Each structure stands twice: as C-alpha cells, then as structure tokens.
Amino acid sequence: MARREQRRTGAAAETHWHVQVGDAATSVALHQQGMETIVDLGWHSQAAHLHWLPGDKTAQLDWSDGRKVVLKVTPTTSGFRIRYRGADLKVLALRPHVAALLKHMPVKLPPDMSRFLLCPMPGQVVRIDVAEGDIVEDGQTLAVVEAMKMENVLKAEKRARVSKVRAAPGAVLAVDAVILEFEAV
C-alpha cells in the first residue's frame, strides 16, 4: 500500500545495497523516482538510469555521459548472473545489514571429484579399456558407456594411475556413478 501511494505522489525512495563480484565489493544506492531508477555506484563518479524490472531478461543502463549498456540478467540465490560482451559474472546483492554477517558464514567448497571418472548420463557400460595399476595419458580412451542408443567414449583428461575399477562391462549406471578412481603419478 505504501509503495503504491509513493508512486502516485512521486515521492523518491532510496535503498542501499552491498554488491559483490568475486572479491570486489561496493555500496550501491538505488534512487526510485516513480518508475525510474537511478543507480549510484560507490566506485563510479557517474549515475546511470536503470531500465529493468524483476523478471526481465535484459537490463539497460543509460550513463549520464550518454553511453548505453545492455546486460543479460538471470536471477540466482542472493543475486544475479550478469553477462556482458563475453564477461559472465556472479553478482551477490545483499542489504548492508545482511552483508555485515557474511564474514561469519562458512564457505562450503565443492568436493574434489578430479580423481574419479563419473558416468556422464544414465547408461550401460559397454567396455572398460584400462585395468587397476595402469598409467593413462591425456586423451586415452578409458571406457565406453551406451546411453540412448549411442556410445559415449570417455577419455582421460590428464596423466594418472588407475587405482580402482569400480564398474564392469554390462553394469547399468546412474548419472555421476563412479566408473574409475585415479591417483597421481
């Protein structure tokens, strides 16, 4: 109700955000005047008019010096994925009081799966071309999995030793099932 009233009277609203891209963070102020949003970036001396509403796939920034920038915007948890001229950025946008708590949040790193050959899709193992103890080279064929009437040839990404073969020909595997385990050479 208050928001609707604000638009009718033309009163300006201002919100502040903590915006983080990688390790770089800045404060951003959004000034809402009716349906127009003015972006004031903490690290940029110019303001820009933002043409974007939640749900839009693109956003346009009209800088005060006349430049126009069109960004592809995809919402993510606590922020956005923004793509512009080949750059693909994960942007975290939080209210300042929430951002102050970031330093207390544990960082969960994904597990290292580089020492496993995983089944790329549900399918049946046609053959395994290596044995335990074999040293494999980059690009060497390791296994063949049949899925949707197609044979998928799985190759080594780097030099390693096969420490364990965990699947046999004829086995039906789910996506991400472990086929082989490796150890460094």
N, C-alpha and C. Protein backbone atom coordinates (compact mmCIF):
# COMPACT_ATOMS: atom_id res chain seq x y z
N MET A 1 0.82 -1.19 0.00
CA MET A 1 0.00 0.00 0.00
C MET A 1 0.86 1.25 0.00
N ALA A 2 1.87 1.29 0.85
CA ALA A 2 2.74 2.47 0.91
C ALA A 2 3.48 2.65 -0.41
N ARG A 3 3.90 1.56 -1.02
CA ARG A 3 4.63 1.64 -2.29
C ARG A 3 3.74 2.26 -3.37
N ARG A 4 2.48 1.82 -3.43
CA ARG A 4 1.56 2.34 -4.43
C ARG A 4 1.34 3.84 -4.18
N GLU A 5 1.19 4.23 -2.95
CA GLU A 5 0.99 5.62 -2.59
C GLU A 5 2.20 6.46 -2.99
N GLN A 6 3.40 5.88 -2.81
CA GLN A 6 4.62 6.57 -3.14
C GLN A 6 4.68 6.90 -4.64
N ARG A 7 4.26 5.96 -5.45
CA ARG A 7 4.30 6.17 -6.89
C ARG A 7 3.29 7.25 -7.31
N ARG A 8 2.13 7.27 -6.67
CA ARG A 8 1.11 8.24 -7.02
C ARG A 8 1.58 9.66 -6.71
N THR A 9 2.22 9.83 -5.57
CA THR A 9 2.64 11.17 -5.18
C THR A 9 3.97 11.55 -5.80
N GLY A 10 4.72 10.58 -6.33
CA GLY A 10 6.01 10.88 -6.95
C GLY A 10 7.13 11.02 -5.95
N ALA A 11 6.93 10.63 -4.70
CA ALA A 11 7.97 10.73 -3.69
C ALA A 11 9.11 9.78 -4.03
N ALA A 12 10.33 10.24 -3.79
CA ALA A 12 11.51 9.42 -4.09
C ALA A 12 11.77 8.44 -2.96
N ALA A 13 12.23 7.24 -3.33
CA ALA A 13 12.62 6.23 -2.35
C ALA A 13 14.07 5.86 -2.63
N GLU A 14 14.83 5.59 -1.58
CA GLU A 14 16.23 5.24 -1.76
C GLU A 14 16.52 3.96 -0.99
N THR A 15 17.23 3.04 -1.63
CA THR A 15 17.66 1.82 -0.95
C THR A 15 19.15 1.65 -1.19
N HIS A 16 19.81 1.04 -0.22
CA HIS A 16 21.25 0.81 -0.31
C HIS A 16 21.49 -0.70 -0.36
N TRP A 17 22.48 -1.08 -1.16
CA TRP A 17 22.81 -2.48 -1.35
C TRP A 17 24.31 -2.67 -1.28
N HIS A 18 24.71 -3.85 -0.78
CA HIS A 18 26.10 -4.30 -0.82
C HIS A 18 26.18 -5.20 -2.04
N VAL A 19 27.01 -4.84 -3.02
CA VAL A 19 27.14 -5.61 -4.25
C VAL A 19 28.56 -6.16 -4.32
N GLN A 20 28.65 -7.46 -4.55
CA GLN A 20 29.95 -8.12 -4.57
C GLN A 20 30.09 -8.95 -5.83
N VAL A 21 31.22 -8.76 -6.53
CA VAL A 21 31.57 -9.55 -7.70
C VAL A 21 32.94 -10.15 -7.40
N GLY A 22 32.99 -11.47 -7.17
CA GLY A 22 34.25 -12.09 -6.76
C GLY A 22 34.66 -11.53 -5.40
N ASP A 23 35.90 -11.03 -5.31
CA ASP A 23 36.38 -10.44 -4.07
C ASP A 23 36.14 -8.94 -3.99
N ALA A 24 35.70 -8.34 -5.09
CA ALA A 24 35.46 -6.89 -5.12
C ALA A 24 34.04 -6.59 -4.64
N ALA A 25 33.93 -5.63 -3.72
CA ALA A 25 32.62 -5.27 -3.18
C ALA A 25 32.49 -3.75 -3.18
N THR A 26 31.27 -3.28 -3.31
CA THR A 26 30.99 -1.85 -3.28
C THR A 26 29.59 -1.61 -2.74
N SER A 27 29.32 -0.37 -2.40
CA SER A 27 28.00 0.02 -1.96
C SER A 27 27.28 0.66 -3.14
N VAL A 28 26.03 0.30 -3.34
CA VAL A 28 25.24 0.83 -4.43
C VAL A 28 23.97 1.42 -3.85
N ALA A 29 23.64 2.63 -4.31
CA ALA A 29 22.39 3.26 -3.88
C ALA A 29 21.45 3.29 -5.08
N LEU A 30 20.21 2.89 -4.85
CA LEU A 30 19.18 2.97 -5.88
C LEU A 30 18.19 4.05 -5.46
N HIS A 31 18.00 5.01 -6.33
CA HIS A 31 17.05 6.10 -6.08
C HIS A 31 15.86 5.87 -6.99
N GLN A 32 14.71 5.60 -6.39
CA GLN A 32 13.50 5.31 -7.16
C GLN A 32 12.64 6.56 -7.22
N GLN A 33 12.38 7.01 -8.44
CA GLN A 33 11.52 8.17 -8.64
C GLN A 33 10.43 7.72 -9.59
N GLY A 34 9.27 7.35 -9.07
CA GLY A 34 8.21 6.80 -9.90
C GLY A 34 8.67 5.48 -10.48
N MET A 35 8.64 5.34 -11.80
CA MET A 35 9.08 4.11 -12.45
C MET A 35 10.54 4.20 -12.89
N GLU A 36 11.21 5.29 -12.59
CA GLU A 36 12.61 5.48 -12.99
C GLU A 36 13.53 5.14 -11.82
N THR A 37 14.59 4.40 -12.10
CA THR A 37 15.58 4.05 -11.08
C THR A 37 16.91 4.64 -11.48
N ILE A 38 17.53 5.38 -10.55
CA ILE A 38 18.86 5.94 -10.78
C ILE A 38 19.83 5.15 -9.91
N VAL A 39 20.90 4.62 -10.54
CA VAL A 39 21.90 3.81 -9.84
C VAL A 39 23.10 4.69 -9.55
N ASP A 40 23.50 4.75 -8.28
CA ASP A 40 24.68 5.50 -7.87
C ASP A 40 25.69 4.48 -7.35
N LEU A 41 26.74 4.21 -8.15
CA LEU A 41 27.74 3.22 -7.78
C LEU A 41 28.81 3.87 -6.91
N GLY A 42 29.20 3.16 -5.86
CA GLY A 42 30.21 3.70 -4.95
C GLY A 42 31.55 3.92 -5.61
N TRP A 43 31.88 3.15 -6.65
CA TRP A 43 33.20 3.24 -7.29
C TRP A 43 33.16 4.02 -8.59
N HIS A 44 32.02 4.55 -8.98
CA HIS A 44 31.89 5.25 -10.25
C HIS A 44 31.33 6.64 -9.97
N SER A 45 31.91 7.65 -10.57
CA SER A 45 31.50 9.02 -10.26
C SER A 45 30.21 9.42 -10.97
N GLN A 46 29.77 8.62 -11.94
CA GLN A 46 28.55 8.96 -12.66
C GLN A 46 27.38 8.12 -12.19
N ALA A 47 26.20 8.65 -12.38
CA ALA A 47 24.98 7.90 -12.11
C ALA A 47 24.48 7.32 -13.42
N ALA A 48 23.63 6.32 -13.31
CA ALA A 48 23.05 5.71 -14.50
C ALA A 48 21.57 5.48 -14.25
N HIS A 49 20.79 5.58 -15.31
CA HIS A 49 19.38 5.24 -15.24
C HIS A 49 19.26 3.76 -15.56
N LEU A 50 18.58 3.03 -14.71
CA LEU A 50 18.41 1.59 -14.88
C LEU A 50 17.03 1.30 -15.45
N HIS A 51 16.98 0.56 -16.54
CA HIS A 51 15.72 0.13 -17.14
C HIS A 51 15.66 -1.38 -16.97
N TRP A 52 15.07 -1.82 -15.88
CA TRP A 52 14.95 -3.24 -15.58
C TRP A 52 13.88 -3.44 -14.51
N LEU A 53 13.07 -4.46 -14.69
CA LEU A 53 12.09 -4.87 -13.69
C LEU A 53 12.30 -6.34 -13.40
N PRO A 54 12.04 -6.80 -12.18
CA PRO A 54 12.19 -8.23 -11.89
C PRO A 54 11.43 -9.07 -12.92
N GLY A 55 12.11 -10.07 -13.45
CA GLY A 55 11.53 -10.93 -14.47
C GLY A 55 12.05 -10.61 -15.87
N ASP A 56 12.56 -9.37 -16.07
CA ASP A 56 13.14 -9.02 -17.36
C ASP A 56 14.43 -9.80 -17.57
N LYS A 57 14.70 -10.21 -18.81
CA LYS A 57 15.91 -10.97 -19.12
C LYS A 57 17.09 -10.07 -19.45
N THR A 58 16.80 -8.80 -19.74
CA THR A 58 17.87 -7.84 -20.01
C THR A 58 17.64 -6.58 -19.19
N ALA A 59 18.75 -5.89 -18.92
CA ALA A 59 18.69 -4.60 -18.23
C ALA A 59 19.50 -3.61 -19.05
N GLN A 60 19.03 -2.37 -19.09
CA GLN A 60 19.77 -1.34 -19.80
C GLN A 60 20.18 -0.26 -18.82
N LEU A 61 21.46 0.11 -18.86
CA LEU A 61 21.97 1.22 -18.06
C LEU A 61 22.26 2.37 -19.02
N ASP A 62 21.66 3.52 -18.76
CA ASP A 62 21.93 4.73 -19.54
C ASP A 62 22.78 5.63 -18.65
N TRP A 63 24.10 5.70 -18.95
CA TRP A 63 25.02 6.51 -18.16
C TRP A 63 24.80 7.99 -18.45
N SER A 64 25.14 8.82 -17.49
CA SER A 64 24.94 10.26 -17.64
C SER A 64 25.83 10.85 -18.74
N ASP A 65 26.89 10.14 -19.15
CA ASP A 65 27.74 10.64 -20.24
C ASP A 65 27.23 10.20 -21.62
N GLY A 66 26.05 9.56 -21.68
CA GLY A 66 25.44 9.17 -22.94
C GLY A 66 25.64 7.72 -23.35
N ARG A 67 26.53 6.99 -22.67
CA ARG A 67 26.74 5.58 -23.02
C ARG A 67 25.53 4.75 -22.60
N LYS A 68 25.24 3.72 -23.42
CA LYS A 68 24.16 2.78 -23.09
C LYS A 68 24.78 1.39 -23.02
N VAL A 69 24.43 0.63 -21.99
CA VAL A 69 24.93 -0.72 -21.80
C VAL A 69 23.75 -1.64 -21.59
N VAL A 70 23.70 -2.73 -22.36
CA VAL A 70 22.64 -3.72 -22.20
C VAL A 70 23.26 -4.98 -21.61
N LEU A 71 22.70 -5.45 -20.51
CA LEU A 71 23.20 -6.61 -19.78
C LEU A 71 22.17 -7.73 -19.83
N LYS A 72 22.63 -8.97 -19.94
CA LYS A 72 21.73 -10.12 -19.80
C LYS A 72 21.70 -10.46 -18.32
N VAL A 73 20.51 -10.57 -17.74
CA VAL A 73 20.35 -10.75 -16.29
C VAL A 73 19.57 -12.03 -16.01
N THR A 74 20.14 -12.89 -15.17
CA THR A 74 19.47 -14.10 -14.71
C THR A 74 19.51 -14.11 -13.19
N PRO A 75 18.36 -14.20 -12.51
CA PRO A 75 18.38 -14.23 -11.05
C PRO A 75 19.01 -15.51 -10.52
N THR A 76 19.75 -15.38 -9.41
CA THR A 76 20.33 -16.52 -8.70
C THR A 76 20.03 -16.32 -7.21
N THR A 77 20.44 -17.26 -6.39
CA THR A 77 20.26 -17.12 -4.95
C THR A 77 21.06 -15.91 -4.47
N SER A 78 20.42 -14.97 -3.86
CA SER A 78 21.02 -13.75 -3.30
C SER A 78 21.69 -12.85 -4.32
N GLY A 79 21.33 -12.96 -5.57
CA GLY A 79 21.96 -12.07 -6.54
C GLY A 79 21.55 -12.36 -7.96
N PHE A 80 22.52 -12.17 -8.86
CA PHE A 80 22.24 -12.29 -10.29
C PHE A 80 23.46 -12.83 -11.02
N ARG A 81 23.21 -13.45 -12.16
CA ARG A 81 24.26 -13.78 -13.11
C ARG A 81 24.10 -12.75 -14.21
N ILE A 82 25.16 -11.99 -14.44
CA ILE A 82 25.11 -10.92 -15.43
C ILE A 82 26.14 -11.20 -16.51
N ARG A 83 25.68 -11.13 -17.76
CA ARG A 83 26.57 -11.36 -18.89
C ARG A 83 26.59 -10.12 -19.77
N TYR A 84 27.83 -9.75 -20.15
CA TYR A 84 28.01 -8.57 -20.98
C TYR A 84 29.30 -8.72 -21.78
N ARG A 85 29.20 -8.73 -23.10
CA ARG A 85 30.36 -8.78 -24.00
C ARG A 85 31.35 -9.88 -23.63
N GLY A 86 30.87 -11.08 -23.39
CA GLY A 86 31.74 -12.21 -23.08
C GLY A 86 32.04 -12.38 -21.61
N ALA A 87 31.80 -11.37 -20.80
CA ALA A 87 32.01 -11.49 -19.35
C ALA A 87 30.80 -12.19 -18.75
N ASP A 88 31.05 -13.12 -17.86
CA ASP A 88 29.99 -13.87 -17.19
C ASP A 88 30.23 -13.73 -15.69
N LEU A 89 29.45 -12.89 -15.03
CA LEU A 89 29.70 -12.54 -13.64
C LEU A 89 28.61 -13.04 -12.71
N LYS A 90 29.02 -13.55 -11.55
CA LYS A 90 28.09 -13.88 -10.49
C LYS A 90 28.11 -12.69 -9.54
N VAL A 91 26.98 -12.01 -9.43
CA VAL A 91 26.88 -10.80 -8.63
C VAL A 91 26.01 -11.08 -7.41
N LEU A 92 26.58 -10.85 -6.24
CA LEU A 92 25.87 -11.03 -4.98
C LEU A 92 25.32 -9.67 -4.57
N ALA A 93 24.02 -9.55 -4.35
CA ALA A 93 23.39 -8.28 -3.97
C ALA A 93 22.64 -8.49 -2.65
N LEU A 94 23.14 -7.84 -1.61
CA LEU A 94 22.57 -8.01 -0.27
C LEU A 94 22.33 -6.65 0.37
N ARG A 95 21.37 -6.60 1.26
CA ARG A 95 21.17 -5.41 2.07
C ARG A 95 22.38 -5.28 2.99
N PRO A 96 22.81 -4.06 3.34
CA PRO A 96 24.03 -3.86 4.14
C PRO A 96 24.04 -4.62 5.47
N HIS A 97 22.90 -4.70 6.16
CA HIS A 97 22.88 -5.40 7.45
C HIS A 97 23.07 -6.91 7.28
N VAL A 98 22.67 -7.45 6.14
CA VAL A 98 22.88 -8.87 5.85
C VAL A 98 24.33 -9.09 5.42
N ALA A 99 24.86 -8.18 4.60
CA ALA A 99 26.25 -8.29 4.13
C ALA A 99 27.24 -8.26 5.29
N ALA A 100 26.91 -7.52 6.34
CA ALA A 100 27.80 -7.45 7.50
C ALA A 100 27.98 -8.82 8.16
N LEU A 101 27.02 -9.72 7.94
CA LEU A 101 27.09 -11.06 8.54
C LEU A 101 27.84 -12.06 7.67
N LEU A 102 28.23 -11.68 6.45
CA LEU A 102 28.92 -12.59 5.53
C LEU A 102 30.19 -13.18 6.12
N LYS A 103 30.94 -12.38 6.87
CA LYS A 103 32.20 -12.86 7.42
C LYS A 103 32.00 -14.00 8.42
N HIS A 104 30.79 -14.17 8.92
CA HIS A 104 30.50 -15.24 9.87
C HIS A 104 29.98 -16.51 9.18
N MET A 105 29.75 -16.45 7.88
CA MET A 105 29.19 -17.58 7.16
C MET A 105 30.31 -18.52 6.70
N PRO A 106 30.18 -19.82 6.96
CA PRO A 106 31.20 -20.74 6.48
C PRO A 106 31.13 -20.87 4.96
N VAL A 107 32.28 -21.05 4.35
CA VAL A 107 32.35 -21.23 2.90
C VAL A 107 32.43 -22.74 2.64
N LYS A 108 31.45 -23.25 1.92
CA LYS A 108 31.43 -24.67 1.61
C LYS A 108 32.00 -24.87 0.21
N LEU A 109 33.13 -25.54 0.15
CA LEU A 109 33.76 -25.81 -1.12
C LEU A 109 33.24 -27.12 -1.68
N PRO A 110 33.05 -27.19 -3.00
CA PRO A 110 32.59 -28.45 -3.58
C PRO A 110 33.68 -29.51 -3.44
N PRO A 111 33.28 -30.78 -3.31
CA PRO A 111 34.29 -31.83 -3.17
C PRO A 111 35.12 -31.97 -4.44
N ASP A 112 36.38 -32.38 -4.27
CA ASP A 112 37.28 -32.58 -5.40
C ASP A 112 36.95 -33.92 -6.04
N MET A 113 36.36 -33.87 -7.23
CA MET A 113 35.98 -35.10 -7.94
C MET A 113 36.94 -35.39 -9.09
N SER A 114 38.08 -34.68 -9.14
CA SER A 114 39.01 -34.83 -10.25
C SER A 114 39.70 -36.19 -10.27
N ARG A 115 39.65 -36.94 -9.18
CA ARG A 115 40.30 -38.26 -9.19
C ARG A 115 39.32 -39.39 -9.51
N PHE A 116 38.16 -39.04 -10.03
CA PHE A 116 37.16 -40.04 -10.40
C PHE A 116 36.73 -39.87 -11.85
N LEU A 117 36.43 -40.98 -12.52
CA LEU A 117 35.75 -40.94 -13.81
C LEU A 117 34.30 -41.24 -13.50
N LEU A 118 33.42 -40.26 -13.76
CA LEU A 118 32.00 -40.40 -13.45
C LEU A 118 31.21 -40.68 -14.71
N CYS A 119 30.13 -41.42 -14.56
CA CYS A 119 29.25 -41.71 -15.68
C CYS A 119 28.52 -40.41 -16.04
N PRO A 120 28.62 -39.93 -17.29
CA PRO A 120 28.05 -38.63 -17.65
C PRO A 120 26.53 -38.62 -17.76
N MET A 121 25.92 -39.80 -17.92
CA MET A 121 24.46 -39.90 -18.04
C MET A 121 24.06 -41.33 -17.70
N PRO A 122 22.81 -41.58 -17.39
CA PRO A 122 22.41 -42.97 -17.13
C PRO A 122 22.69 -43.83 -18.36
N GLY A 123 23.30 -44.97 -18.15
CA GLY A 123 23.62 -45.83 -19.28
C GLY A 123 24.27 -47.13 -18.85
N GLN A 124 24.63 -47.94 -19.85
CA GLN A 124 25.23 -49.25 -19.61
C GLN A 124 26.69 -49.22 -20.06
N VAL A 125 27.56 -49.78 -19.20
CA VAL A 125 28.97 -49.84 -19.53
C VAL A 125 29.16 -50.90 -20.61
N VAL A 126 29.73 -50.49 -21.76
CA VAL A 126 29.98 -51.41 -22.87
C VAL A 126 31.34 -52.07 -22.67
N ARG A 127 32.35 -51.24 -22.33
CA ARG A 127 33.68 -51.80 -22.08
C ARG A 127 34.50 -50.86 -21.21
N ILE A 128 35.47 -51.45 -20.54
CA ILE A 128 36.47 -50.72 -19.76
C ILE A 128 37.80 -51.03 -20.44
N ASP A 129 38.53 -50.01 -20.87
CA ASP A 129 39.76 -50.21 -21.64
C ASP A 129 41.03 -50.15 -20.80
N VAL A 130 40.91 -50.03 -19.49
CA VAL A 130 42.08 -49.97 -18.61
C VAL A 130 41.89 -50.92 -17.43
N ALA A 131 42.98 -51.20 -16.73
CA ALA A 131 42.94 -52.07 -15.55
C ALA A 131 43.59 -51.35 -14.38
N GLU A 132 43.35 -51.85 -13.18
CA GLU A 132 43.97 -51.27 -11.99
C GLU A 132 45.48 -51.30 -12.14
N GLY A 133 46.13 -50.20 -11.79
CA GLY A 133 47.57 -50.08 -11.88
C GLY A 133 48.06 -49.47 -13.19
N ASP A 134 47.22 -49.42 -14.21
CA ASP A 134 47.62 -48.83 -15.50
C ASP A 134 47.86 -47.33 -15.34
N ILE A 135 48.85 -46.84 -16.07
CA ILE A 135 49.06 -45.39 -16.15
C ILE A 135 48.43 -44.93 -17.45
N VAL A 136 47.53 -43.97 -17.33
CA VAL A 136 46.82 -43.47 -18.52
C VAL A 136 47.35 -42.09 -18.87
N GLU A 137 47.28 -41.77 -20.15
CA GLU A 137 47.76 -40.48 -20.65
C GLU A 137 46.57 -39.62 -21.07
N ASP A 138 46.79 -38.33 -21.14
CA ASP A 138 45.77 -37.39 -21.57
C ASP A 138 45.22 -37.78 -22.93
N GLY A 139 43.89 -37.91 -23.03
CA GLY A 139 43.23 -38.27 -24.29
C GLY A 139 43.05 -39.76 -24.52
N GLN A 140 43.59 -40.59 -23.65
CA GLN A 140 43.46 -42.04 -23.80
C GLN A 140 42.04 -42.48 -23.48
N THR A 141 41.49 -43.43 -24.27
CA THR A 141 40.15 -43.95 -24.02
C THR A 141 40.17 -44.80 -22.75
N LEU A 142 39.23 -44.53 -21.85
CA LEU A 142 39.14 -45.24 -20.58
C LEU A 142 37.98 -46.23 -20.58
N ALA A 143 36.83 -45.80 -21.08
CA ALA A 143 35.64 -46.64 -21.03
C ALA A 143 34.65 -46.16 -22.10
N VAL A 144 33.69 -47.04 -22.40
CA VAL A 144 32.62 -46.69 -23.32
C VAL A 144 31.31 -46.99 -22.62
N VAL A 145 30.41 -46.01 -22.61
CA VAL A 145 29.10 -46.14 -21.99
C VAL A 145 28.05 -45.92 -23.07
N GLU A 146 27.06 -46.84 -23.14
CA GLU A 146 25.97 -46.70 -24.09
C GLU A 146 24.78 -46.07 -23.38
N ALA A 147 24.29 -44.99 -23.98
CA ALA A 147 23.12 -44.29 -23.44
C ALA A 147 22.28 -43.81 -24.61
N MET A 148 21.00 -44.03 -24.56
CA MET A 148 20.06 -43.61 -25.60
C MET A 148 20.53 -44.08 -26.99
N LYS A 149 20.96 -45.33 -27.07
CA LYS A 149 21.39 -45.98 -28.31
C LYS A 149 22.62 -45.33 -28.93
N MET A 150 23.40 -44.61 -28.11
CA MET A 150 24.64 -44.00 -28.59
C MET A 150 25.78 -44.42 -27.69
N GLU A 151 26.95 -44.65 -28.27
CA GLU A 151 28.13 -44.98 -27.48
C GLU A 151 28.88 -43.70 -27.15
N ASN A 152 29.15 -43.52 -25.87
CA ASN A 152 29.89 -42.35 -25.39
C ASN A 152 31.28 -42.82 -24.97
N VAL A 153 32.30 -42.33 -25.65
CA VAL A 153 33.68 -42.70 -25.36
C VAL A 153 34.21 -41.74 -24.30
N LEU A 154 34.63 -42.28 -23.16
CA LEU A 154 35.13 -41.47 -22.05
C LEU A 154 36.65 -41.52 -22.07
N LYS A 155 37.30 -40.35 -22.08
CA LYS A 155 38.75 -40.26 -22.21
C LYS A 155 39.37 -39.59 -21.00
N ALA A 156 40.65 -39.88 -20.80
CA ALA A 156 41.40 -39.29 -19.69
C ALA A 156 41.65 -37.81 -19.95
N GLU A 157 41.58 -37.00 -18.89
CA GLU A 157 41.85 -35.57 -19.01
C GLU A 157 43.28 -35.22 -18.67
N LYS A 158 43.97 -36.14 -17.97
CA LYS A 158 45.36 -35.89 -17.59
C LYS A 158 46.04 -37.23 -17.29
N ARG A 159 47.35 -37.19 -17.14
CA ARG A 159 48.12 -38.39 -16.83
C ARG A 159 47.86 -38.79 -15.38
N ALA A 160 47.55 -40.08 -15.17
CA ALA A 160 47.26 -40.59 -13.82
C ALA A 160 47.38 -42.11 -13.80
N ARG A 161 47.33 -42.67 -12.61
CA ARG A 161 47.34 -44.13 -12.44
C ARG A 161 45.94 -44.56 -12.01
N VAL A 162 45.43 -45.64 -12.61
CA VAL A 162 44.13 -46.19 -12.24
C VAL A 162 44.31 -46.93 -10.92
N SER A 163 43.66 -46.44 -9.86
CA SER A 163 43.80 -47.09 -8.55
C SER A 163 42.70 -48.12 -8.31
N LYS A 164 41.54 -47.92 -8.93
CA LYS A 164 40.45 -48.87 -8.71
C LYS A 164 39.46 -48.80 -9.88
N VAL A 165 39.03 -49.97 -10.34
CA VAL A 165 37.97 -50.05 -11.34
C VAL A 165 36.70 -50.39 -10.57
N ARG A 166 35.70 -49.50 -10.63
CA ARG A 166 34.50 -49.67 -9.81
C ARG A 166 33.27 -50.10 -10.60
N ALA A 167 33.42 -50.28 -11.90
CA ALA A 167 32.29 -50.74 -12.73
C ALA A 167 32.82 -51.79 -13.70
N ALA A 168 31.93 -52.66 -14.13
CA ALA A 168 32.30 -53.73 -15.07
C ALA A 168 31.42 -53.63 -16.31
N PRO A 169 31.90 -54.19 -17.44
CA PRO A 169 31.05 -54.20 -18.64
C PRO A 169 29.71 -54.86 -18.33
N GLY A 170 28.65 -54.24 -18.85
CA GLY A 170 27.30 -54.74 -18.61
C GLY A 170 26.59 -54.05 -17.47
N ALA A 171 27.34 -53.36 -16.61
CA ALA A 171 26.73 -52.67 -15.47
C ALA A 171 25.90 -51.49 -15.95
N VAL A 172 24.73 -51.31 -15.35
CA VAL A 172 23.86 -50.17 -15.64
C VAL A 172 24.10 -49.14 -14.55
N LEU A 173 24.51 -47.94 -14.96
CA LEU A 173 24.91 -46.90 -14.01
C LEU A 173 24.00 -45.68 -14.08
N ALA A 174 23.87 -45.02 -12.95
CA ALA A 174 23.15 -43.75 -12.88
C ALA A 174 24.12 -42.63 -13.22
N VAL A 175 23.58 -41.46 -13.47
CA VAL A 175 24.43 -40.31 -13.72
C VAL A 175 25.31 -40.06 -12.50
N ASP A 176 26.57 -39.73 -12.73
CA ASP A 176 27.59 -39.45 -11.71
C ASP A 176 28.02 -40.67 -10.91
N ALA A 177 27.67 -41.88 -11.35
CA ALA A 177 28.19 -43.08 -10.69
C ALA A 177 29.68 -43.18 -11.02
N VAL A 178 30.47 -43.65 -10.06
CA VAL A 178 31.92 -43.74 -10.25
C VAL A 178 32.26 -44.98 -11.08
N ILE A 179 33.02 -44.77 -12.15
CA ILE A 179 33.46 -45.87 -13.00
C ILE A 179 34.89 -46.26 -12.64
N LEU A 180 35.78 -45.24 -12.51
CA LEU A 180 37.19 -45.47 -12.19
C LEU A 180 37.64 -44.48 -11.13
N GLU A 181 38.66 -44.90 -10.35
CA GLU A 181 39.33 -43.99 -9.42
C GLU A 181 40.77 -43.87 -9.87
N PHE A 182 41.34 -42.68 -9.68
CA PHE A 182 42.73 -42.41 -10.09
C PHE A 182 43.55 -41.94 -8.91
N GLU A 183 44.87 -42.04 -9.08
CA GLU A 183 45.81 -41.43 -8.13
C GLU A 183 46.87 -40.73 -8.96
N ALA A 184 47.52 -39.75 -8.36
CA ALA A 184 48.55 -39.00 -9.09
C ALA A 184 49.75 -39.89 -9.36
N VAL A 185 50.42 -39.60 -10.46
CA VAL A 185 51.61 -40.38 -10.84
C VAL A 185 52.83 -39.61 -10.40
